[in-house]
Amino acid sequence: MKESKTVIAFGLTHDEALVAQHAIINKVGCASQNITIITDPATILLLRSCEVDLVGVKAHATDQQQWAKLMPVCRFMKENNIKFQIIK
């Protein structure tokens, strides 16, 4: 039996995390109650690939300052084989 993993909706604000949550629901078909909303980047940096199925990251392509804040989190996930999806 496959061990259950976590699906995460991440954004720098609660509203952005909610947008990520809705995108995951629409794209992956995951139920909202199965998605954890996170706004603290430090929490993402504690994840291991064996603990999470997917992280949806809300980013604004036109807001370079905000994207710069998200880049270290995305780089960490890529380096640690954590599947993530950028949501614009």
Protein backbone atom coordinates (compact mmCIF):
# COMPACT_ATOMS: atom_id res chain seq x y z
CA MET A 1 0.00 0.00 0.00
CA LYS A 2 1.34 3.42 -0.97
CA GLU A 3 2.05 5.74 1.95
CA SER A 4 0.00 8.93 1.80
CA LYS A 5 1.97 12.05 1.05
CA THR A 6 1.14 15.73 1.30
CA VAL A 7 0.01 18.17 -1.39
CA ILE A 8 0.96 21.76 -0.55
CA ALA A 9 -0.29 25.11 -1.83
CA PHE A 10 2.41 27.72 -1.20
CA GLY A 11 2.33 31.49 -1.54
CA LEU A 12 3.93 34.40 0.27
CA THR A 13 0.47 35.51 1.42
CA HIS A 14 -2.60 33.53 2.41
CA ASP A 15 -4.47 34.81 -0.66
CA GLU A 16 -1.70 33.60 -2.96
CA ALA A 17 -1.67 30.21 -1.27
CA LEU A 18 -5.43 29.99 -1.83
CA VAL A 19 -4.90 30.71 -5.54
CA ALA A 20 -2.32 27.91 -5.61
CA GLN A 21 -4.81 25.63 -3.85
CA HIS A 22 -7.51 26.33 -6.45
CA ALA A 23 -5.05 25.70 -9.28
CA ILE A 24 -4.07 22.34 -7.77
CA ILE A 25 -7.74 21.41 -7.40
CA ASN A 26 -8.41 22.29 -11.05
CA LYS A 27 -5.26 20.79 -12.58
CA VAL A 28 -4.71 17.71 -10.45
CA GLY A 29 -8.21 17.02 -9.21
CA CYS A 30 -7.09 16.93 -5.59
CA ALA A 31 -9.77 17.61 -2.95
CA SER A 32 -9.32 20.88 -1.06
CA GLN A 33 -9.25 19.10 2.30
CA ASN A 34 -6.18 17.15 1.12
CA ILE A 35 -4.15 20.29 0.38
CA THR A 36 -2.08 21.98 3.07
CA ILE A 37 -1.78 25.77 2.75
CA ILE A 38 1.63 27.19 3.64
CA THR A 39 2.87 30.79 3.59
CA ASP A 40 6.15 30.34 5.45
CA PRO A 41 9.11 29.57 3.15
CA ALA A 42 11.01 28.04 6.08
CA THR A 43 8.42 25.26 6.21
CA ILE A 44 9.09 24.40 2.57
CA LEU A 45 12.82 24.24 3.26
CA LEU A 46 12.20 21.50 5.84
CA LEU A 47 10.43 19.20 3.36
CA ARG A 48 11.85 15.95 2.03
CA SER A 49 10.79 14.42 -1.26
CA CYS A 50 9.44 11.33 0.49
CA GLU A 51 6.97 13.51 2.42
CA VAL A 52 5.28 15.43 -0.38
CA ASP A 53 3.60 14.60 -3.69
CA LEU A 54 3.33 18.13 -5.08
CA VAL A 55 3.89 21.76 -4.11
CA GLY A 56 1.95 24.42 -6.01
CA VAL A 57 3.87 27.71 -5.89
CA LYS A 58 1.99 30.92 -6.66
CA ALA A 59 4.21 33.43 -8.47
CA HIS A 60 3.61 36.61 -10.41
CA ALA A 61 5.63 36.75 -13.59
CA THR A 62 5.52 40.55 -13.60
CA ASP A 63 6.54 41.02 -9.97
CA GLN A 64 10.30 40.41 -9.99
CA GLN A 65 10.74 41.28 -6.30
CA GLN A 66 8.24 38.64 -5.24
CA TRP A 67 9.62 36.07 -7.67
CA ALA A 68 13.12 36.65 -6.25
CA LYS A 69 11.76 35.69 -2.82
CA LEU A 70 10.30 32.46 -4.22
CA MET A 71 13.39 31.42 -6.20
CA PRO A 72 15.37 29.98 -3.26
CA VAL A 73 12.38 27.82 -2.33
CA CYS A 74 12.02 26.55 -5.91
CA ARG A 75 15.76 25.93 -6.20
CA PHE A 76 15.64 23.92 -2.95
CA MET A 77 12.74 21.80 -4.22
CA LYS A 78 14.46 21.16 -7.55
CA GLU A 79 17.72 20.15 -5.86
CA ASN A 80 15.85 17.81 -3.50
CA ASN A 81 13.62 16.18 -6.14
CA ILE A 82 10.40 17.64 -4.74
CA LYS A 83 7.79 17.89 -7.47
CA PHE A 84 6.45 21.43 -7.77
CA GLN A 85 4.34 23.46 -10.16
CA ILE A 86 4.68 27.22 -10.68
CA ILE A 87 1.25 28.84 -10.83
CA LYS A 88 1.06 32.27 -12.46
